[in-house]
Amino acid sequence: MNSTGEPSASRTMSRFTHHLTTVPTRSSRCSVETHNCDCVDLCGAAGDDHLGSRIEQLEAEVAATVADAEATDLAEDEEFGEDRRGDEVLTELARRETRLAKMAAAKEVFEAEAADKAADRAAERAEKDGTDDTGIAQGTATAAAEATPVDRAHRSFTDPESRMTRTVDGFRYAYNAQAVVDGRSQVVLAAKVHSRQATLHSSSP
């Protein structure tokens, strides 16, 4: 079985050639029973004697192919384990490749967030300075293009939507949960979960 979960090529060949071992037998029986069978027509003017010798030759070739495939399977099973052929992606390598892909995706998010924040700050400054719309657009585009993520940016690979949050026992990736409860009846009126650390303005009437 290869890295995608499919059987290896050699093992598939072995199973396929096992199936082929029945083909010459059926062809031989067909040629003996009648000369009008398709197998005889496909052979043109060949007689039964020629077909018999040809079938024996094919049977020998198929048997040799099956034996070779089985020998390859046994050798690979002995060296690499059952249904393996030695060229599968190593588990550690696959794990590192997956982690690398997640890191690349996180880097793209950091860059996009930095660009958005820089553009927002540039737009606010431009509006305060009385810059026209064209100037604001140019300024925000330039700021976004030149923005870089801060060194302290963090992101969880297992839960990208969570954020680094201060807790009673340090910092960890978490969420901020807020609930509104009626003090008299103790009924929960509203609940909200967000990833911002600050609780101010998390909920409003």
N, C-alpha and C. Protein backbone atom coordinates (compact mmCIF):
# COMPACT_ATOMS: atom_id res chain seq x y z
N MET A 1 0.86 -1.19 0.00
CA MET A 1 0.00 0.00 0.00
C MET A 1 0.89 1.23 0.00
N ASN A 2 0.60 2.20 -0.88
CA ASN A 2 1.43 3.39 -0.96
C ASN A 2 0.97 4.45 0.02
N SER A 3 1.60 5.68 -0.05
CA SER A 3 1.32 6.73 0.92
C SER A 3 -0.08 7.28 0.81
N THR A 4 -0.78 7.05 -0.29
CA THR A 4 -2.15 7.53 -0.46
C THR A 4 -3.16 6.50 -0.04
N GLY A 5 -2.69 5.33 0.44
CA GLY A 5 -3.61 4.30 0.90
C GLY A 5 -3.98 3.30 -0.16
N GLU A 6 -3.37 3.41 -1.37
CA GLU A 6 -3.68 2.49 -2.45
C GLU A 6 -2.66 1.35 -2.46
N PRO A 7 -3.03 0.17 -2.98
CA PRO A 7 -2.09 -0.94 -3.03
C PRO A 7 -0.89 -0.58 -3.88
N SER A 8 0.29 -1.15 -3.55
CA SER A 8 1.47 -0.88 -4.34
C SER A 8 1.33 -1.48 -5.72
N ALA A 9 2.13 -0.95 -6.66
CA ALA A 9 2.01 -1.39 -8.05
C ALA A 9 2.34 -2.86 -8.20
N SER A 10 3.40 -3.32 -7.49
CA SER A 10 3.80 -4.72 -7.63
C SER A 10 2.74 -5.65 -7.08
N ARG A 11 2.13 -5.29 -5.94
CA ARG A 11 1.09 -6.16 -5.37
C ARG A 11 -0.14 -6.16 -6.25
N THR A 12 -0.49 -5.03 -6.81
CA THR A 12 -1.61 -4.98 -7.74
C THR A 12 -1.34 -5.85 -8.95
N MET A 13 -0.09 -5.81 -9.44
CA MET A 13 0.28 -6.64 -10.59
C MET A 13 0.15 -8.11 -10.23
N SER A 14 0.55 -8.47 -9.01
CA SER A 14 0.46 -9.86 -8.59
C SER A 14 -0.98 -10.33 -8.60
N ARG A 15 -1.88 -9.52 -8.06
CA ARG A 15 -3.30 -9.90 -8.02
C ARG A 15 -3.89 -9.96 -9.41
N PHE A 16 -3.46 -9.04 -10.27
CA PHE A 16 -3.99 -9.03 -11.63
C PHE A 16 -3.53 -10.26 -12.40
N THR A 17 -2.26 -10.62 -12.22
CA THR A 17 -1.76 -11.78 -12.95
C THR A 17 -2.39 -13.07 -12.44
N HIS A 18 -2.76 -13.11 -11.17
CA HIS A 18 -3.51 -14.28 -10.68
C HIS A 18 -4.81 -14.44 -11.46
N HIS A 19 -5.46 -13.33 -11.75
CA HIS A 19 -6.69 -13.37 -12.52
C HIS A 19 -6.42 -13.87 -13.93
N LEU A 20 -5.28 -13.48 -14.49
CA LEU A 20 -4.98 -13.87 -15.87
C LEU A 20 -4.74 -15.37 -16.01
N THR A 21 -4.41 -16.03 -14.91
CA THR A 21 -4.14 -17.47 -15.03
C THR A 21 -5.35 -18.25 -15.48
N THR A 22 -6.54 -17.71 -15.32
CA THR A 22 -7.76 -18.40 -15.73
C THR A 22 -8.07 -18.17 -17.20
N VAL A 23 -7.46 -17.12 -17.80
CA VAL A 23 -7.80 -16.78 -19.17
C VAL A 23 -7.37 -17.85 -20.16
N PRO A 24 -6.10 -18.34 -20.13
CA PRO A 24 -5.72 -19.40 -21.09
C PRO A 24 -6.57 -20.65 -20.95
N THR A 25 -6.96 -21.00 -19.71
CA THR A 25 -7.79 -22.19 -19.51
C THR A 25 -9.12 -22.05 -20.21
N ARG A 26 -9.74 -20.87 -20.07
CA ARG A 26 -11.03 -20.65 -20.73
C ARG A 26 -10.85 -20.66 -22.25
N SER A 27 -9.75 -20.07 -22.73
CA SER A 27 -9.51 -20.04 -24.18
C SER A 27 -9.30 -21.44 -24.72
N SER A 28 -8.57 -22.27 -23.97
CA SER A 28 -8.33 -23.63 -24.41
C SER A 28 -9.63 -24.41 -24.49
N ARG A 29 -10.46 -24.29 -23.48
CA ARG A 29 -11.73 -25.00 -23.47
C ARG A 29 -12.61 -24.53 -24.63
N CYS A 30 -12.55 -23.25 -24.93
CA CYS A 30 -13.36 -22.72 -26.02
C CYS A 30 -12.90 -23.29 -27.36
N SER A 31 -11.57 -23.42 -27.55
CA SER A 31 -11.08 -23.89 -28.84
C SER A 31 -11.40 -25.37 -29.04
N VAL A 32 -11.48 -26.13 -27.96
CA VAL A 32 -11.78 -27.55 -28.09
C VAL A 32 -13.26 -27.76 -28.38
N GLU A 33 -14.13 -26.97 -27.76
CA GLU A 33 -15.56 -27.19 -27.89
C GLU A 33 -16.07 -26.80 -29.27
N THR A 34 -15.61 -25.73 -29.85
CA THR A 34 -16.13 -25.29 -31.14
C THR A 34 -15.13 -24.43 -31.86
N HIS A 35 -15.17 -24.51 -33.18
CA HIS A 35 -14.29 -23.68 -34.01
C HIS A 35 -14.94 -22.35 -34.33
N ASN A 36 -16.15 -22.12 -33.87
CA ASN A 36 -16.86 -20.88 -34.17
C ASN A 36 -16.73 -19.85 -33.06
N CYS A 37 -15.98 -20.16 -32.01
CA CYS A 37 -15.84 -19.24 -30.90
C CYS A 37 -15.03 -18.02 -31.31
N ASP A 38 -15.21 -16.95 -30.60
CA ASP A 38 -14.49 -15.72 -30.90
C ASP A 38 -12.99 -15.91 -30.77
N CYS A 39 -12.55 -16.75 -29.82
CA CYS A 39 -11.12 -16.91 -29.62
C CYS A 39 -10.46 -17.51 -30.85
N VAL A 40 -11.15 -18.43 -31.55
CA VAL A 40 -10.59 -19.02 -32.76
C VAL A 40 -10.62 -18.02 -33.89
N ASP A 41 -11.69 -17.25 -34.00
CA ASP A 41 -11.79 -16.25 -35.05
C ASP A 41 -10.67 -15.22 -34.92
N LEU A 42 -10.34 -14.85 -33.67
CA LEU A 42 -9.29 -13.86 -33.47
C LEU A 42 -7.93 -14.40 -33.88
N CYS A 43 -7.79 -15.72 -33.88
CA CYS A 43 -6.51 -16.32 -34.25
C CYS A 43 -6.40 -16.54 -35.76
N GLY A 44 -7.38 -16.17 -36.51
CA GLY A 44 -7.34 -16.31 -37.96
C GLY A 44 -7.38 -17.76 -38.38
N ALA A 45 -6.41 -18.20 -39.17
CA ALA A 45 -6.41 -19.55 -39.73
C ALA A 45 -5.66 -20.54 -38.86
N ALA A 46 -5.29 -20.15 -37.65
CA ALA A 46 -4.52 -21.05 -36.80
C ALA A 46 -5.36 -22.27 -36.44
N GLY A 47 -4.75 -23.43 -36.45
CA GLY A 47 -5.45 -24.65 -36.11
C GLY A 47 -5.39 -24.93 -34.63
N ASP A 48 -6.10 -26.00 -34.21
CA ASP A 48 -6.15 -26.35 -32.80
C ASP A 48 -4.78 -26.71 -32.26
N ASP A 49 -3.96 -27.37 -33.07
CA ASP A 49 -2.63 -27.76 -32.60
C ASP A 49 -1.79 -26.53 -32.25
N HIS A 50 -1.87 -25.53 -33.15
CA HIS A 50 -1.11 -24.30 -32.91
C HIS A 50 -1.64 -23.56 -31.68
N LEU A 51 -2.97 -23.55 -31.54
CA LEU A 51 -3.57 -22.87 -30.39
C LEU A 51 -3.15 -23.55 -29.09
N GLY A 52 -3.14 -24.86 -29.11
CA GLY A 52 -2.76 -25.59 -27.90
C GLY A 52 -1.35 -25.26 -27.45
N SER A 53 -0.41 -25.24 -28.39
CA SER A 53 0.97 -24.93 -28.03
C SER A 53 1.12 -23.48 -27.59
N ARG A 54 0.36 -22.59 -28.25
CA ARG A 54 0.43 -21.17 -27.90
C ARG A 54 -0.14 -20.94 -26.49
N ILE A 55 -1.23 -21.67 -26.20
CA ILE A 55 -1.84 -21.54 -24.87
C ILE A 55 -0.87 -22.03 -23.80
N GLU A 56 -0.20 -23.13 -24.06
CA GLU A 56 0.77 -23.64 -23.10
C GLU A 56 1.89 -22.63 -22.86
N GLN A 57 2.31 -21.98 -23.95
CA GLN A 57 3.35 -20.97 -23.82
C GLN A 57 2.87 -19.79 -22.97
N LEU A 58 1.62 -19.35 -23.25
CA LEU A 58 1.07 -18.23 -22.48
C LEU A 58 0.90 -18.59 -21.01
N GLU A 59 0.45 -19.84 -20.76
CA GLU A 59 0.30 -20.27 -19.38
C GLU A 59 1.63 -20.23 -18.64
N ALA A 60 2.69 -20.65 -19.32
CA ALA A 60 4.01 -20.63 -18.70
C ALA A 60 4.47 -19.20 -18.44
N GLU A 61 4.20 -18.30 -19.39
CA GLU A 61 4.59 -16.90 -19.21
C GLU A 61 3.83 -16.26 -18.06
N VAL A 62 2.53 -16.55 -17.99
CA VAL A 62 1.72 -16.00 -16.90
C VAL A 62 2.19 -16.54 -15.57
N ALA A 63 2.47 -17.84 -15.51
CA ALA A 63 2.95 -18.44 -14.26
C ALA A 63 4.26 -17.81 -13.82
N ALA A 64 5.15 -17.54 -14.78
CA ALA A 64 6.43 -16.91 -14.45
C ALA A 64 6.23 -15.50 -13.93
N THR A 65 5.29 -14.77 -14.56
CA THR A 65 5.01 -13.40 -14.12
C THR A 65 4.43 -13.39 -12.71
N VAL A 66 3.50 -14.31 -12.46
CA VAL A 66 2.91 -14.41 -11.12
C VAL A 66 3.97 -14.73 -10.09
N ALA A 67 4.84 -15.68 -10.40
CA ALA A 67 5.88 -16.07 -9.46
C ALA A 67 6.82 -14.91 -9.18
N ASP A 68 7.16 -14.15 -10.22
CA ASP A 68 8.04 -13.00 -10.04
C ASP A 68 7.39 -11.93 -9.17
N ALA A 69 6.09 -11.66 -9.43
CA ALA A 69 5.38 -10.66 -8.63
C ALA A 69 5.27 -11.09 -7.18
N GLU A 70 4.98 -12.38 -6.97
CA GLU A 70 4.88 -12.87 -5.59
C GLU A 70 6.22 -12.79 -4.88
N ALA A 71 7.30 -13.09 -5.60
CA ALA A 71 8.62 -13.01 -5.00
C ALA A 71 8.95 -11.57 -4.61
N THR A 72 8.56 -10.63 -5.48
CA THR A 72 8.77 -9.21 -5.17
C THR A 72 7.97 -8.80 -3.94
N ASP A 73 6.72 -9.25 -3.87
CA ASP A 73 5.87 -8.94 -2.71
C ASP A 73 6.50 -9.46 -1.42
N LEU A 74 6.95 -10.71 -1.46
CA LEU A 74 7.53 -11.31 -0.27
C LEU A 74 8.79 -10.58 0.17
N ALA A 75 9.61 -10.20 -0.82
CA ALA A 75 10.85 -9.49 -0.50
C ALA A 75 10.55 -8.12 0.11
N GLU A 76 9.56 -7.41 -0.45
CA GLU A 76 9.20 -6.10 0.08
C GLU A 76 8.58 -6.22 1.47
N ASP A 77 7.73 -7.24 1.66
CA ASP A 77 7.12 -7.45 2.98
C ASP A 77 8.19 -7.75 4.02
N GLU A 78 9.19 -8.52 3.63
CA GLU A 78 10.26 -8.89 4.56
C GLU A 78 11.11 -7.68 4.93
N GLU A 79 11.36 -6.81 3.96
CA GLU A 79 12.25 -5.67 4.19
C GLU A 79 11.53 -4.46 4.77
N PHE A 80 10.32 -4.16 4.26
CA PHE A 80 9.64 -2.92 4.63
C PHE A 80 8.37 -3.13 5.46
N GLY A 81 7.90 -4.36 5.57
CA GLY A 81 6.63 -4.60 6.25
C GLY A 81 5.55 -4.93 5.25
N GLU A 82 4.46 -5.55 5.74
CA GLU A 82 3.41 -6.01 4.84
C GLU A 82 2.75 -4.86 4.09
N ASP A 83 2.57 -5.07 2.79
CA ASP A 83 1.92 -4.10 1.90
C ASP A 83 2.65 -2.77 1.85
N ARG A 84 3.95 -2.79 2.03
CA ARG A 84 4.76 -1.58 1.89
C ARG A 84 5.90 -1.89 0.92
N ARG A 85 6.43 -0.82 0.27
CA ARG A 85 7.49 -1.05 -0.71
C ARG A 85 8.72 -0.18 -0.48
N GLY A 86 8.71 0.60 0.61
CA GLY A 86 9.92 1.32 0.99
C GLY A 86 10.02 2.75 0.53
N ASP A 87 9.16 3.20 -0.39
CA ASP A 87 9.25 4.58 -0.87
C ASP A 87 8.12 5.45 -0.32
N GLU A 88 7.42 4.97 0.73
CA GLU A 88 6.36 5.77 1.33
C GLU A 88 6.95 6.98 2.05
N VAL A 89 6.14 8.02 2.15
CA VAL A 89 6.57 9.21 2.87
C VAL A 89 6.67 8.88 4.36
N LEU A 90 7.82 9.17 4.96
CA LEU A 90 8.00 8.89 6.37
C LEU A 90 7.01 9.70 7.21
N THR A 91 6.55 9.09 8.30
CA THR A 91 5.58 9.77 9.16
C THR A 91 6.11 11.09 9.67
N GLU A 92 7.37 11.11 10.08
CA GLU A 92 7.96 12.34 10.60
C GLU A 92 8.04 13.41 9.52
N LEU A 93 8.40 12.98 8.30
CA LEU A 93 8.47 13.94 7.20
C LEU A 93 7.10 14.48 6.87
N ALA A 94 6.10 13.61 6.85
CA ALA A 94 4.74 14.06 6.56
C ALA A 94 4.26 15.05 7.62
N ARG A 95 4.60 14.77 8.89
CA ARG A 95 4.20 15.67 9.97
C ARG A 95 4.88 17.03 9.81
N ARG A 96 6.15 17.03 9.45
CA ARG A 96 6.87 18.29 9.28
C ARG A 96 6.35 19.07 8.08
N GLU A 97 6.01 18.37 7.01
CA GLU A 97 5.46 19.04 5.83
C GLU A 97 4.11 19.68 6.16
N THR A 98 3.30 18.97 6.93
CA THR A 98 2.01 19.52 7.34
C THR A 98 2.20 20.75 8.22
N ARG A 99 3.13 20.66 9.14
CA ARG A 99 3.40 21.79 10.03
C ARG A 99 3.94 22.99 9.24
N LEU A 100 4.79 22.72 8.26
CA LEU A 100 5.34 23.79 7.43
C LEU A 100 4.22 24.49 6.66
N ALA A 101 3.27 23.73 6.15
CA ALA A 101 2.14 24.33 5.43
C ALA A 101 1.31 25.21 6.36
N LYS A 102 1.11 24.76 7.60
CA LYS A 102 0.35 25.56 8.56
C LYS A 102 1.10 26.83 8.92
N MET A 103 2.43 26.74 9.03
CA MET A 103 3.23 27.92 9.34
C MET A 103 3.16 28.93 8.20
N ALA A 104 3.20 28.43 6.97
CA ALA A 104 3.10 29.33 5.82
C ALA A 104 1.74 30.03 5.79
N ALA A 105 0.68 29.28 6.11
CA ALA A 105 -0.65 29.88 6.14
C ALA A 105 -0.75 30.92 7.24
N ALA A 106 -0.15 30.64 8.40
CA ALA A 106 -0.17 31.61 9.50
C ALA A 106 0.59 32.87 9.13
N LYS A 107 1.70 32.71 8.43
CA LYS A 107 2.49 33.87 8.00
C LYS A 107 1.66 34.76 7.08
N GLU A 108 0.91 34.15 6.18
CA GLU A 108 0.06 34.94 5.29
C GLU A 108 -1.00 35.71 6.08
N VAL A 109 -1.55 35.08 7.11
CA VAL A 109 -2.55 35.76 7.94
C VAL A 109 -1.92 36.93 8.68
N PHE A 110 -0.71 36.73 9.25
CA PHE A 110 -0.02 37.82 9.94
C PHE A 110 0.19 39.00 9.01
N GLU A 111 0.62 38.71 7.79
CA GLU A 111 0.89 39.77 6.83
C GLU A 111 -0.39 40.51 6.45
N ALA A 112 -1.48 39.76 6.26
CA ALA A 112 -2.75 40.39 5.90
C ALA A 112 -3.28 41.24 7.05
N GLU A 113 -3.17 40.75 8.28
CA GLU A 113 -3.63 41.51 9.43
C GLU A 113 -2.80 42.78 9.61
N ALA A 114 -1.49 42.68 9.42
CA ALA A 114 -0.63 43.85 9.54
C ALA A 114 -0.97 44.89 8.48
N ALA A 115 -1.25 44.43 7.27
CA ALA A 115 -1.61 45.35 6.18
C ALA A 115 -2.92 46.05 6.48
N ASP A 116 -3.90 45.31 7.00
CA ASP A 116 -5.20 45.92 7.33
C ASP A 116 -5.06 46.97 8.43
N LYS A 117 -4.30 46.64 9.47
CA LYS A 117 -4.12 47.59 10.57
C LYS A 117 -3.39 48.84 10.10
N ALA A 118 -2.35 48.65 9.29
CA ALA A 118 -1.60 49.80 8.78
C ALA A 118 -2.47 50.68 7.91
N ALA A 119 -3.31 50.06 7.09
CA ALA A 119 -4.21 50.82 6.22
C ALA A 119 -5.23 51.61 7.05
N ASP A 120 -5.75 50.98 8.11
CA ASP A 120 -6.72 51.67 8.98
C ASP A 120 -6.08 52.88 9.67
N ARG A 121 -4.87 52.68 10.18
CA ARG A 121 -4.19 53.79 10.86
C ARG A 121 -3.89 54.93 9.89
N ALA A 122 -3.46 54.57 8.68
CA ALA A 122 -3.16 55.59 7.68
C ALA A 122 -4.42 56.36 7.30
N ALA A 123 -5.54 55.65 7.18
CA ALA A 123 -6.79 56.31 6.82
C ALA A 123 -7.24 57.26 7.92
N GLU A 124 -7.08 56.86 9.18
CA GLU A 124 -7.47 57.72 10.30
C GLU A 124 -6.62 59.00 10.33
N ARG A 125 -5.31 58.84 10.13
CA ARG A 125 -4.44 60.01 10.12
C ARG A 125 -4.78 60.94 8.97
N ALA A 126 -5.05 60.35 7.80
CA ALA A 126 -5.36 61.17 6.63
C ALA A 126 -6.66 61.95 6.82
N GLU A 127 -7.64 61.31 7.43
CA GLU A 127 -8.92 61.99 7.67
C GLU A 127 -8.74 63.15 8.66
N LYS A 128 -7.93 62.93 9.69
CA LYS A 128 -7.68 64.00 10.66
C LYS A 128 -6.95 65.18 10.01
N ASP A 129 -6.09 64.86 9.03
CA ASP A 129 -5.34 65.91 8.34
C ASP A 129 -6.15 66.57 7.24
N GLY A 130 -7.37 66.11 7.01
CA GLY A 130 -8.21 66.69 5.98
C GLY A 130 -7.84 66.28 4.57
N THR A 131 -7.19 65.16 4.41
CA THR A 131 -6.80 64.67 3.09
C THR A 131 -8.03 64.24 2.31
N ASP A 132 -8.02 64.49 0.99
CA ASP A 132 -9.17 64.10 0.18
C ASP A 132 -9.18 62.59 -0.02
N ASP A 133 -10.26 62.11 -0.65
CA ASP A 133 -10.45 60.66 -0.81
C ASP A 133 -9.33 60.02 -1.62
N THR A 134 -8.88 60.72 -2.66
CA THR A 134 -7.80 60.17 -3.48
C THR A 134 -6.52 60.01 -2.66
N GLY A 135 -6.22 61.01 -1.87
CA GLY A 135 -5.03 60.94 -1.03
C GLY A 135 -5.14 59.85 0.02
N ILE A 136 -6.34 59.70 0.58
CA ILE A 136 -6.55 58.65 1.57
C ILE A 136 -6.33 57.27 0.96
N ALA A 137 -6.89 57.07 -0.23
CA ALA A 137 -6.75 55.78 -0.91
C ALA A 137 -5.29 55.48 -1.22
N GLN A 138 -4.56 56.48 -1.69
CA GLN A 138 -3.15 56.27 -2.00
C GLN A 138 -2.34 56.00 -0.74
N GLY A 139 -2.65 56.74 0.31
CA GLY A 139 -1.93 56.56 1.56
C GLY A 139 -2.16 55.20 2.20
N THR A 140 -3.40 54.75 2.18
CA THR A 140 -3.71 53.45 2.77
C THR A 140 -3.09 52.31 1.96
N ALA A 141 -3.08 52.46 0.64
CA ALA A 141 -2.48 51.42 -0.20
C ALA A 141 -0.98 51.32 0.05
N THR A 142 -0.32 52.46 0.18
CA THR A 142 1.11 52.47 0.44
C THR A 142 1.42 51.87 1.81
N ALA A 143 0.63 52.27 2.80
CA ALA A 143 0.84 51.75 4.16
C ALA A 143 0.64 50.24 4.22
N ALA A 144 -0.37 49.75 3.53
CA ALA A 144 -0.64 48.31 3.53
C ALA A 144 0.49 47.54 2.86
N ALA A 145 1.02 48.09 1.77
CA ALA A 145 2.09 47.40 1.05
C ALA A 145 3.38 47.35 1.84
N GLU A 146 3.63 48.37 2.66
CA GLU A 146 4.88 48.45 3.42
C GLU A 146 4.78 47.83 4.80
N ALA A 147 3.60 47.41 5.21
CA ALA A 147 3.40 46.88 6.56
C ALA A 147 4.08 45.52 6.73
N THR A 148 4.59 45.28 7.91
CA THR A 148 5.19 43.99 8.26
C THR A 148 4.63 43.54 9.60
N PRO A 149 4.46 42.25 9.80
CA PRO A 149 3.92 41.75 11.08
C PRO A 149 4.88 42.05 12.23
N VAL A 150 4.35 42.27 13.40
CA VAL A 150 5.18 42.49 14.58
C VAL A 150 5.80 41.17 15.02
N ASP A 151 6.96 41.26 15.64
CA ASP A 151 7.68 40.05 16.04
C ASP A 151 6.91 39.24 17.08
N ARG A 152 6.09 39.89 17.88
CA ARG A 152 5.38 39.18 18.94
C ARG A 152 4.06 38.56 18.48
N ALA A 153 3.80 38.60 17.20
CA ALA A 153 2.55 38.01 16.69
C ALA A 153 2.55 36.50 16.93
N HIS A 154 1.44 35.99 17.39
CA HIS A 154 1.31 34.57 17.68
C HIS A 154 0.05 34.03 17.02
N ARG A 155 0.10 32.74 16.74
CA ARG A 155 -1.09 32.09 16.17
C ARG A 155 -1.01 30.60 16.46
N SER A 156 -2.13 30.04 16.88
CA SER A 156 -2.19 28.61 17.16
C SER A 156 -2.41 27.83 15.87
N PHE A 157 -1.62 26.78 15.67
CA PHE A 157 -1.79 25.95 14.48
C PHE A 157 -3.01 25.04 14.61
N THR A 158 -3.34 24.65 15.83
CA THR A 158 -4.46 23.73 16.03
C THR A 158 -5.80 24.46 16.12
N ASP A 159 -5.77 25.74 16.56
CA ASP A 159 -7.01 26.52 16.67
C ASP A 159 -6.71 27.96 16.26
N PRO A 160 -6.64 28.23 14.96
CA PRO A 160 -6.22 29.55 14.47
C PRO A 160 -7.08 30.71 14.94
N GLU A 161 -8.34 30.46 15.31
CA GLU A 161 -9.22 31.56 15.71
C GLU A 161 -8.98 32.00 17.15
N SER A 162 -8.31 31.19 17.95
CA SER A 162 -8.01 31.58 19.32
C SER A 162 -6.87 32.60 19.33
N ARG A 163 -6.73 33.30 20.47
CA ARG A 163 -5.68 34.31 20.59
C ARG A 163 -4.94 34.12 21.92
N MET A 164 -3.68 34.57 21.93
CA MET A 164 -2.89 34.51 23.15
C MET A 164 -3.52 35.43 24.19
N THR A 165 -3.92 34.86 25.31
CA THR A 165 -4.68 35.59 26.32
C THR A 165 -4.06 35.42 27.70
N ARG A 166 -4.05 36.51 28.46
CA ARG A 166 -3.54 36.44 29.83
C ARG A 166 -4.57 35.74 30.72
N THR A 167 -4.13 34.76 31.45
CA THR A 167 -5.00 34.04 32.38
C THR A 167 -4.39 34.10 33.78
N VAL A 168 -5.06 33.50 34.75
CA VAL A 168 -4.56 33.54 36.13
C VAL A 168 -3.25 32.80 36.29
N ASP A 169 -2.95 31.88 35.37
CA ASP A 169 -1.71 31.11 35.48
C ASP A 169 -0.77 31.37 34.31
N GLY A 170 -0.86 32.55 33.71
CA GLY A 170 0.06 32.90 32.63
C GLY A 170 -0.67 33.22 31.34
N PHE A 171 0.01 32.94 30.22
CA PHE A 171 -0.57 33.20 28.91
C PHE A 171 -0.85 31.87 28.21
N ARG A 172 -1.95 31.83 27.49
CA ARG A 172 -2.29 30.65 26.71
C ARG A 172 -3.29 31.05 25.63
N TYR A 173 -3.40 30.20 24.60
CA TYR A 173 -4.38 30.44 23.55
C TYR A 173 -5.77 30.15 24.13
N ALA A 174 -6.65 31.12 24.04
CA ALA A 174 -7.97 30.96 24.65
C ALA A 174 -8.97 31.90 24.01
N TYR A 175 -10.18 31.87 24.55
CA TYR A 175 -11.26 32.76 24.11
C TYR A 175 -11.77 33.53 25.33
N ASN A 176 -12.48 34.59 25.06
CA ASN A 176 -13.09 35.40 26.12
C ASN A 176 -14.60 35.18 26.06
N ALA A 177 -15.14 34.57 27.08
CA ALA A 177 -16.57 34.25 27.11
C ALA A 177 -17.30 35.25 28.01
N GLN A 178 -18.39 35.78 27.52
CA GLN A 178 -19.20 36.74 28.26
C GLN A 178 -20.64 36.22 28.34
N ALA A 179 -21.28 36.48 29.45
CA ALA A 179 -22.67 36.05 29.63
C ALA A 179 -23.43 37.13 30.38
N VAL A 180 -24.69 37.29 30.02
CA VAL A 180 -25.59 38.22 30.71
C VAL A 180 -26.64 37.38 31.41
N VAL A 181 -26.72 37.54 32.73
CA VAL A 181 -27.61 36.71 33.54
C VAL A 181 -28.54 37.61 34.35
N ASP A 182 -29.79 37.25 34.39
CA ASP A 182 -30.75 37.97 35.23
C ASP A 182 -30.49 37.60 36.69
N GLY A 183 -30.18 38.63 37.50
CA GLY A 183 -29.80 38.36 38.87
C GLY A 183 -30.90 37.74 39.70
N ARG A 184 -32.13 38.03 39.41
CA ARG A 184 -33.24 37.52 40.23
C ARG A 184 -33.60 36.08 39.85
N SER A 185 -33.76 35.84 38.57
CA SER A 185 -34.19 34.50 38.14
C SER A 185 -33.02 33.57 37.81
N GLN A 186 -31.82 34.14 37.72
CA GLN A 186 -30.62 33.37 37.36
C GLN A 186 -30.74 32.74 35.97
N VAL A 187 -31.47 33.41 35.10
CA VAL A 187 -31.63 32.94 33.72
C VAL A 187 -30.58 33.63 32.85
N VAL A 188 -29.92 32.85 32.01
CA VAL A 188 -28.92 33.41 31.10
C VAL A 188 -29.67 34.09 29.95
N LEU A 189 -29.48 35.39 29.83
CA LEU A 189 -30.18 36.15 28.80
C LEU A 189 -29.40 36.23 27.50
N ALA A 190 -28.09 36.20 27.58
CA ALA A 190 -27.27 36.29 26.37
C ALA A 190 -25.89 35.72 26.68
N ALA A 191 -25.24 35.25 25.64
CA ALA A 191 -23.88 34.73 25.78
C ALA A 191 -23.11 35.02 24.51
N LYS A 192 -21.82 35.25 24.67
CA LYS A 192 -21.00 35.59 23.52
C LYS A 192 -19.56 35.15 23.79
N VAL A 193 -18.91 34.67 22.75
CA VAL A 193 -17.51 34.27 22.85
C VAL A 193 -16.73 34.98 21.76
N HIS A 194 -15.63 35.61 22.14
CA HIS A 194 -14.79 36.28 21.14
C HIS A 194 -13.33 36.03 21.50
N SER A 195 -12.44 36.45 20.64
CA SER A 195 -11.02 36.19 20.85
C SER A 195 -10.26 37.41 21.36
N ARG A 196 -10.94 38.50 21.64
CA ARG A 196 -10.27 39.68 22.18
C ARG A 196 -10.03 39.50 23.68
N GLN A 197 -8.89 39.96 24.14
CA GLN A 197 -8.59 39.82 25.55
C GLN A 197 -9.40 40.79 26.39
N ALA A 198 -9.59 42.00 25.90
CA ALA A 198 -10.33 43.00 26.67
C ALA A 198 -11.81 42.64 26.74
N THR A 199 -12.40 42.86 27.91
CA THR A 199 -13.82 42.58 28.09
C THR A 199 -14.67 43.84 27.94
N LEU A 200 -14.03 45.01 27.90
CA LEU A 200 -14.76 46.26 27.79
C LEU A 200 -15.50 46.32 26.46
N HIS A 201 -16.75 46.71 26.50
CA HIS A 201 -17.60 46.83 25.32
C HIS A 201 -17.84 45.49 24.62
N SER A 202 -17.63 44.40 25.34
CA SER A 202 -17.88 43.09 24.73
C SER A 202 -19.37 42.89 24.47
N SER A 203 -20.18 43.44 25.36
CA SER A 203 -21.63 43.32 25.21
C SER A 203 -22.26 44.66 25.54
N SER A 204 -23.40 44.91 24.95
CA SER A 204 -24.11 46.16 25.22
C SER A 204 -25.61 45.87 25.23
N PRO A 205 -26.38 46.70 25.93
CA PRO A 205 -27.83 46.46 26.02
C PRO A 205 -28.49 46.48 24.64
